[in-house]
């Protein structure tokens, strides 16, 4: 197995774990919202999306600042 394949597998495992944690954390954070059923699912999905977007933006910004472009 190539080094990149190993790194991809590690990253996928981390992503899977983070998704589970994010799902549970969002569930906990929105528990006091006065919604049920489809509305609850919509809020849950949207908060997961926003949290992921914010995390991506922060991580990508840091990555770009700390990465040297070759070529």
PDB file of N, CA and C in Angstrom:
ATOM      1  N   UNK A   1       0.850  -1.177   0.000  1.00  0.00           N
ATOM      2  CA  UNK A   1       0.000   0.000   0.000  1.00  0.00           C
ATOM      3  C   UNK A   1       0.894   1.238   0.000  1.00  0.00           C
ATOM      4  N   UNK A   2       0.571   2.179  -0.851  1.00  0.00           N
ATOM      5  CA  UNK A   2       1.375   3.392  -0.928  1.00  0.00           C
ATOM      6  C   UNK A   2       1.139   4.270   0.304  1.00  0.00           C
ATOM      7  N   UNK A   3       2.059   5.172   0.529  1.00  0.00           N
ATOM      8  CA  UNK A   3       1.967   6.069   1.680  1.00  0.00           C
ATOM      9  C   UNK A   3       0.702   6.939   1.594  1.00  0.00           C
ATOM     10  N   UNK A   4       0.365   7.408   0.380  1.00  0.00           N
ATOM     11  CA  UNK A   4      -0.837   8.233   0.219  1.00  0.00           C
ATOM     12  C   UNK A   4      -2.101   7.426   0.506  1.00  0.00           C
ATOM     13  N   UNK A   5      -2.116   6.158   0.118  1.00  0.00           N
ATOM     14  CA  UNK A   5      -3.275   5.311   0.411  1.00  0.00           C
ATOM     15  C   UNK A   5      -3.433   5.126   1.913  1.00  0.00           C
ATOM     16  N   UNK A   6      -2.333   4.961   2.606  1.00  0.00           N
ATOM     17  CA  UNK A   6      -2.375   4.822   4.061  1.00  0.00           C
ATOM     18  C   UNK A   6      -2.897   6.104   4.697  1.00  0.00           C
ATOM     19  N   UNK A   7      -2.399   7.241   4.217  1.00  0.00           N
ATOM     20  CA  UNK A   7      -2.837   8.529   4.755  1.00  0.00           C
ATOM     21  C   UNK A   7      -4.310   8.746   4.462  1.00  0.00           C
ATOM     22  N   UNK A   8      -4.765   8.369   3.268  1.00  0.00           N
ATOM     23  CA  UNK A   8      -6.185   8.493   2.927  1.00  0.00           C
ATOM     24  C   UNK A   8      -7.056   7.641   3.844  1.00  0.00           C
ATOM     25  N   UNK A   9      -6.609   6.432   4.151  1.00  0.00           N
ATOM     26  CA  UNK A   9      -7.371   5.571   5.065  1.00  0.00           C
ATOM     27  C   UNK A   9      -7.446   6.167   6.463  1.00  0.00           C
ATOM     28  N   UNK A  10      -6.340   6.709   6.915  1.00  0.00           N
ATOM     29  CA  UNK A  10      -6.318   7.359   8.231  1.00  0.00           C
ATOM     30  C   UNK A  10      -7.277   8.543   8.235  1.00  0.00           C
ATOM     31  N   UNK A  11      -7.190   9.377   7.184  1.00  0.00           N
ATOM     32  CA  UNK A  11      -8.055  10.556   7.095  1.00  0.00           C
ATOM     33  C   UNK A  11      -9.528  10.154   7.058  1.00  0.00           C
ATOM     34  N   UNK A  12      -9.856   9.073   6.344  1.00  0.00           N
ATOM     35  CA  UNK A  12     -11.244   8.620   6.285  1.00  0.00           C
ATOM     36  C   UNK A  12     -11.724   8.160   7.654  1.00  0.00           C
ATOM     37  N   UNK A  13     -10.867   7.455   8.383  1.00  0.00           N
ATOM     38  CA  UNK A  13     -11.233   7.028   9.732  1.00  0.00           C
ATOM     39  C   UNK A  13     -11.469   8.207  10.655  1.00  0.00           C
ATOM     40  N   UNK A  14     -10.612   9.218  10.557  1.00  0.00           N
ATOM     41  CA  UNK A  14     -10.776  10.423  11.364  1.00  0.00           C
ATOM     42  C   UNK A  14     -12.075  11.128  10.973  1.00  0.00           C
ATOM     43  N   UNK A  15     -12.336  11.256   9.667  1.00  0.00           N
ATOM     44  CA  UNK A  15     -13.559  11.917   9.194  1.00  0.00           C
ATOM     45  C   UNK A  15     -14.810  11.185   9.686  1.00  0.00           C
ATOM     46  N   UNK A  16     -14.792   9.861   9.627  1.00  0.00           N
ATOM     47  CA  UNK A  16     -15.931   9.079  10.107  1.00  0.00           C
ATOM     48  C   UNK A  16     -16.174   9.328  11.593  1.00  0.00           C
ATOM     49  N   UNK A  17     -15.117   9.349  12.353  1.00  0.00           N
ATOM     50  CA  UNK A  17     -15.230   9.580  13.794  1.00  0.00           C
ATOM     51  C   UNK A  17     -15.726  10.996  14.083  1.00  0.00           C
ATOM     52  N   UNK A  18     -15.176  11.972  13.365  1.00  0.00           N
ATOM     53  CA  UNK A  18     -15.598  13.361  13.555  1.00  0.00           C
ATOM     54  C   UNK A  18     -17.076  13.540  13.203  1.00  0.00           C
ATOM     55  N   UNK A  19     -17.546  12.845  12.181  1.00  0.00           N
ATOM     56  CA  UNK A  19     -18.951  12.955  11.785  1.00  0.00           C
ATOM     57  C   UNK A  19     -19.860  12.450  12.901  1.00  0.00           C
ATOM     58  N   UNK A  20     -19.492  11.337  13.519  1.00  0.00           N
ATOM     59  CA  UNK A  20     -20.275  10.801  14.639  1.00  0.00           C
ATOM     60  C   UNK A  20     -20.289  11.786  15.804  1.00  0.00           C
ATOM     61  N   UNK A  21     -19.117  12.341  16.128  1.00  0.00           N
ATOM     62  CA  UNK A  21     -19.039  13.311  17.222  1.00  0.00           C
ATOM     63  C   UNK A  21     -19.841  14.569  16.905  1.00  0.00           C
ATOM     64  N   UNK A  22     -19.744  15.031  15.667  1.00  0.00           N
ATOM     65  CA  UNK A  22     -20.478  16.224  15.263  1.00  0.00           C
ATOM     66  C   UNK A  22     -21.979  15.978  15.359  1.00  0.00           C
ATOM     67  N   UNK A  23     -22.425  14.838  14.882  1.00  0.00           N
ATOM     68  CA  UNK A  23     -23.856  14.500  14.930  1.00  0.00           C
ATOM     69  C   UNK A  23     -24.363  14.557  16.372  1.00  0.00           C
ATOM     70  N   UNK A  24     -23.644  13.903  17.270  1.00  0.00           N
ATOM     71  CA  UNK A  24     -24.057  13.866  18.675  1.00  0.00           C
ATOM     72  C   UNK A  24     -23.988  15.248  19.322  1.00  0.00           C
ATOM     73  N   UNK A  25     -22.954  16.012  18.994  1.00  0.00           N
ATOM     74  CA  UNK A  25     -22.786  17.348  19.569  1.00  0.00           C
ATOM     75  C   UNK A  25     -23.898  18.279  19.106  1.00  0.00           C
ATOM     76  N   UNK A  26     -24.238  18.231  17.833  1.00  0.00           N
ATOM     77  CA  UNK A  26     -25.331  19.062  17.320  1.00  0.00           C
ATOM     78  C   UNK A  26     -26.636  18.653  17.986  1.00  0.00           C
ATOM     79  N   UNK A  27     -26.861  17.372  18.117  1.00  0.00           N
ATOM     80  CA  UNK A  27     -28.070  16.874  18.786  1.00  0.00           C
ATOM     81  C   UNK A  27     -28.183  17.463  20.188  1.00  0.00           C
ATOM     82  N   UNK A  28     -27.073  17.466  20.902  1.00  0.00           N
ATOM     83  CA  UNK A  28     -27.051  18.000  22.260  1.00  0.00           C
ATOM     84  C   UNK A  28     -27.267  19.510  22.256  1.00  0.00           C
ATOM     85  N   UNK A  29     -26.624  20.215  21.329  1.00  0.00           N
ATOM     86  CA  UNK A  29     -26.707  21.673  21.296  1.00  0.00           C
ATOM     87  C   UNK A  29     -28.095  22.195  20.921  1.00  0.00           C
ATOM     88  N   UNK A  30     -28.828  21.460  20.106  1.00  0.00           N
ATOM     89  CA  UNK A  30     -30.148  21.949  19.680  1.00  0.00           C
ATOM     90  C   UNK A  30     -31.295  21.282  20.436  1.00  0.00           C
ATOM     91  N   UNK A  31     -30.974  20.545  21.468  1.00  0.00           N
ATOM     92  CA  UNK A  31     -31.999  19.800  22.214  1.00  0.00           C
ATOM     93  C   UNK A  31     -33.098  20.699  22.769  1.00  0.00           C
ATOM     94  N   UNK A  32     -32.775  21.929  23.091  1.00  0.00           N
ATOM     95  CA  UNK A  32     -33.776  22.820  23.688  1.00  0.00           C
ATOM     96  C   UNK A  32     -34.556  23.635  22.656  1.00  0.00           C
ATOM     97  N   UNK A  33     -34.349  23.367  21.378  1.00  0.00           N
ATOM     98  CA  UNK A  33     -35.109  24.068  20.341  1.00  0.00           C
ATOM     99  C   UNK A  33     -36.526  23.505  20.278  1.00  0.00           C
ATOM    100  N   UNK A  34     -37.517  24.390  20.184  1.00  0.00           N
ATOM    101  CA  UNK A  34     -38.925  23.943  20.213  1.00  0.00           C
ATOM    102  C   UNK A  34     -39.413  23.431  18.856  1.00  0.00           C
ATOM    103  N   UNK A  35     -38.753  22.406  18.337  1.00  0.00           N
ATOM    104  CA  UNK A  35     -39.152  21.829  17.043  1.00  0.00           C
ATOM    105  C   UNK A  35     -39.153  20.310  17.139  1.00  0.00           C
ATOM    106  N   UNK A  36     -39.888  19.684  16.219  1.00  0.00           N
ATOM    107  CA  UNK A  36     -39.981  18.226  16.175  1.00  0.00           C
ATOM    108  C   UNK A  36     -39.960  17.762  14.728  1.00  0.00           C
ATOM    109  N   UNK A  37     -39.760  16.478  14.553  1.00  0.00           N
ATOM    110  CA  UNK A  37     -39.902  15.848  13.245  1.00  0.00           C
ATOM    111  C   UNK A  37     -39.020  16.429  12.163  1.00  0.00           C
ATOM    112  N   UNK A  38     -39.654  16.760  11.026  1.00  0.00           N
ATOM    113  CA  UNK A  38     -38.911  17.258   9.874  1.00  0.00           C
ATOM    114  C   UNK A  38     -38.191  18.572  10.172  1.00  0.00           C
ATOM    115  N   UNK A  39     -38.825  19.432  10.968  1.00  0.00           N
ATOM    116  CA  UNK A  39     -38.180  20.701  11.307  1.00  0.00           C
ATOM    117  C   UNK A  39     -36.914  20.466  12.135  1.00  0.00           C
ATOM    118  N   UNK A  40     -36.981  19.542  13.080  1.00  0.00           N
ATOM    119  CA  UNK A  40     -35.803  19.199  13.877  1.00  0.00           C
ATOM    120  C   UNK A  40     -34.700  18.656  12.978  1.00  0.00           C
ATOM    121  N   UNK A  41     -35.061  17.750  12.069  1.00  0.00           N
ATOM    122  CA  UNK A  41     -34.066  17.178  11.161  1.00  0.00           C
ATOM    123  C   UNK A  41     -33.441  18.241  10.265  1.00  0.00           C
ATOM    124  N   UNK A  42     -34.252  19.191   9.824  1.00  0.00           N
ATOM    125  CA  UNK A  42     -33.738  20.265   8.976  1.00  0.00           C
ATOM    126  C   UNK A  42     -32.754  21.140   9.745  1.00  0.00           C
ATOM    127  N   UNK A  43     -33.100  21.486  10.978  1.00  0.00           N
ATOM    128  CA  UNK A  43     -32.189  22.300  11.798  1.00  0.00           C
ATOM    129  C   UNK A  43     -30.909  21.522  12.082  1.00  0.00           C
ATOM    130  N   UNK A  44     -31.054  20.259  12.423  1.00  0.00           N
ATOM    131  CA  UNK A  44     -29.889  19.428  12.715  1.00  0.00           C
ATOM    132  C   UNK A  44     -28.960  19.366  11.508  1.00  0.00           C
ATOM    133  N   UNK A  45     -29.509  19.119  10.349  1.00  0.00           N
ATOM    134  CA  UNK A  45     -28.698  19.040   9.131  1.00  0.00           C
ATOM    135  C   UNK A  45     -28.027  20.371   8.824  1.00  0.00           C
ATOM    136  N   UNK A  46     -28.762  21.453   8.994  1.00  0.00           N
ATOM    137  CA  UNK A  46     -28.214  22.775   8.690  1.00  0.00           C
ATOM    138  C   UNK A  46     -27.091  23.149   9.653  1.00  0.00           C
ATOM    139  N   UNK A  47     -27.281  22.871  10.929  1.00  0.00           N
ATOM    140  CA  UNK A  47     -26.232  23.169  11.904  1.00  0.00           C
ATOM    141  C   UNK A  47     -24.987  22.314  11.625  1.00  0.00           C
ATOM    142  N   UNK A  48     -25.193  21.046  11.262  1.00  0.00           N
ATOM    143  CA  UNK A  48     -24.042  20.205  10.899  1.00  0.00           C
ATOM    144  C   UNK A  48     -23.311  20.798   9.698  1.00  0.00           C
ATOM    145  N   UNK A  49     -24.061  21.241   8.704  1.00  0.00           N
ATOM    146  CA  UNK A  49     -23.459  21.851   7.524  1.00  0.00           C
ATOM    147  C   UNK A  49     -22.673  23.107   7.894  1.00  0.00           C
ATOM    148  N   UNK A  50     -23.298  24.009   8.662  1.00  0.00           N
ATOM    149  CA  UNK A  50     -22.616  25.248   9.035  1.00  0.00           C
ATOM    150  C   UNK A  50     -21.370  24.987   9.861  1.00  0.00           C
ATOM    151  N   UNK A  51     -21.458  24.077  10.808  1.00  0.00           N
ATOM    152  CA  UNK A  51     -20.300  23.762  11.643  1.00  0.00           C
ATOM    153  C   UNK A  51     -19.164  23.193  10.794  1.00  0.00           C
ATOM    154  N   UNK A  52     -19.510  22.321   9.862  1.00  0.00           N
ATOM    155  CA  UNK A  52     -18.508  21.736   8.972  1.00  0.00           C
ATOM    156  C   UNK A  52     -17.892  22.809   8.086  1.00  0.00           C
ATOM    157  N   UNK A  53     -18.713  23.708   7.575  1.00  0.00           N
ATOM    158  CA  UNK A  53     -18.227  24.792   6.717  1.00  0.00           C
ATOM    159  C   UNK A  53     -17.259  25.702   7.485  1.00  0.00           C
ATOM    160  N   UNK A  54     -17.620  26.040   8.724  1.00  0.00           N
ATOM    161  CA  UNK A  54     -16.759  26.893   9.541  1.00  0.00           C
ATOM    162  C   UNK A  54     -15.441  26.188   9.866  1.00  0.00           C
ATOM    163  N   UNK A  55     -15.519  24.914  10.189  1.00  0.00           N
ATOM    164  CA  UNK A  55     -14.313  24.147  10.482  1.00  0.00           C
ATOM    165  C   UNK A  55     -13.419  24.063   9.249  1.00  0.00           C
ATOM    166  N   UNK A  56     -14.012  23.780   8.094  1.00  0.00           N
ATOM    167  CA  UNK A  56     -13.256  23.698   6.856  1.00  0.00           C
ATOM    168  C   UNK A  56     -12.565  25.025   6.549  1.00  0.00           C
ATOM    169  N   UNK A  57     -13.305  26.121   6.669  1.00  0.00           N
ATOM    170  CA  UNK A  57     -12.738  27.439   6.373  1.00  0.00           C
ATOM    171  C   UNK A  57     -11.537  27.728   7.258  1.00  0.00           C
ATOM    172  N   UNK A  58     -11.661  27.441   8.541  1.00  0.00           N
ATOM    173  CA  UNK A  58     -10.565  27.687   9.471  1.00  0.00           C
ATOM    174  C   UNK A  58      -9.360  26.790   9.176  1.00  0.00           C
ATOM    175  N   UNK A  59      -9.607  25.520   8.972  1.00  0.00           N
ATOM    176  CA  UNK A  59      -8.519  24.582   8.715  1.00  0.00           C
ATOM    177  C   UNK A  59      -7.849  24.884   7.384  1.00  0.00           C
ATOM    178  N   UNK A  60      -8.647  25.182   6.344  1.00  0.00           N
ATOM    179  CA  UNK A  60      -8.088  25.468   5.027  1.00  0.00           C
ATOM    180  C   UNK A  60      -7.231  26.725   5.062  1.00  0.00           C
ATOM    181  N   UNK A  61      -7.689  27.733   5.772  1.00  0.00           N
ATOM    182  CA  UNK A  61      -6.928  28.974   5.898  1.00  0.00           C
ATOM    183  C   UNK A  61      -5.580  28.707   6.568  1.00  0.00           C
ATOM    184  N   UNK A  62      -5.598  27.949   7.645  1.00  0.00           N
ATOM    185  CA  UNK A  62      -4.347  27.609   8.342  1.00  0.00           C
ATOM    186  C   UNK A  62      -3.442  26.764   7.460  1.00  0.00           C
ATOM    187  N   UNK A  63      -4.027  25.841   6.713  1.00  0.00           N
ATOM    188  CA  UNK A  63      -3.257  24.978   5.822  1.00  0.00           C
ATOM    189  C   UNK A  63      -2.562  25.815   4.754  1.00  0.00           C
ATOM    190  N   UNK A  64      -3.305  26.743   4.140  1.00  0.00           N
ATOM    191  CA  UNK A  64      -2.724  27.582   3.090  1.00  0.00           C
ATOM    192  C   UNK A  64      -1.602  28.463   3.634  1.00  0.00           C
ATOM    193  N   UNK A  65      -1.726  28.930   4.857  1.00  0.00           N
ATOM    194  CA  UNK A  65      -0.700  29.788   5.455  1.00  0.00           C
ATOM    195  C   UNK A  65       0.563  29.004   5.787  1.00  0.00           C
ATOM    196  N   UNK A  66       0.423  27.715   6.046  1.00  0.00           N
ATOM    197  CA  UNK A  66       1.552  26.909   6.496  1.00  0.00           C
ATOM    198  C   UNK A  66       2.070  25.959   5.443  1.00  0.00           C
ATOM    199  N   UNK A  67       1.637  26.111   4.184  1.00  0.00           N
ATOM    200  CA  UNK A  67       2.048  25.224   3.108  1.00  0.00           C
ATOM    201  C   UNK A  67       2.883  25.996   2.089  1.00  0.00           C
ATOM    202  N   UNK A  68       3.971  25.407   1.695  1.00  0.00           N
ATOM    203  CA  UNK A  68       4.830  26.015   0.675  1.00  0.00           C
ATOM    204  C   UNK A  68       4.457  25.412  -0.678  1.00  0.00           C
ATOM    205  N   UNK A  69       4.187  26.292  -1.641  1.00  0.00           N
ATOM    206  CA  UNK A  69       3.873  25.820  -2.993  1.00  0.00           C
ATOM    207  C   UNK A  69       5.163  25.618  -3.757  1.00  0.00           C
ATOM    208  N   UNK A  70       5.312  24.442  -4.340  1.00  0.00           N
ATOM    209  CA  UNK A  70       6.509  24.129  -5.120  1.00  0.00           C
ATOM    210  C   UNK A  70       6.132  24.075  -6.594  1.00  0.00           C
ATOM    211  N   UNK A  71       6.915  24.734  -7.403  1.00  0.00           N
ATOM    212  CA  UNK A  71       6.655  24.646  -8.836  1.00  0.00           C
ATOM    213  C   UNK A  71       6.506  25.925  -9.431  1.00  0.00           C
TER     214      UNK A  71
END
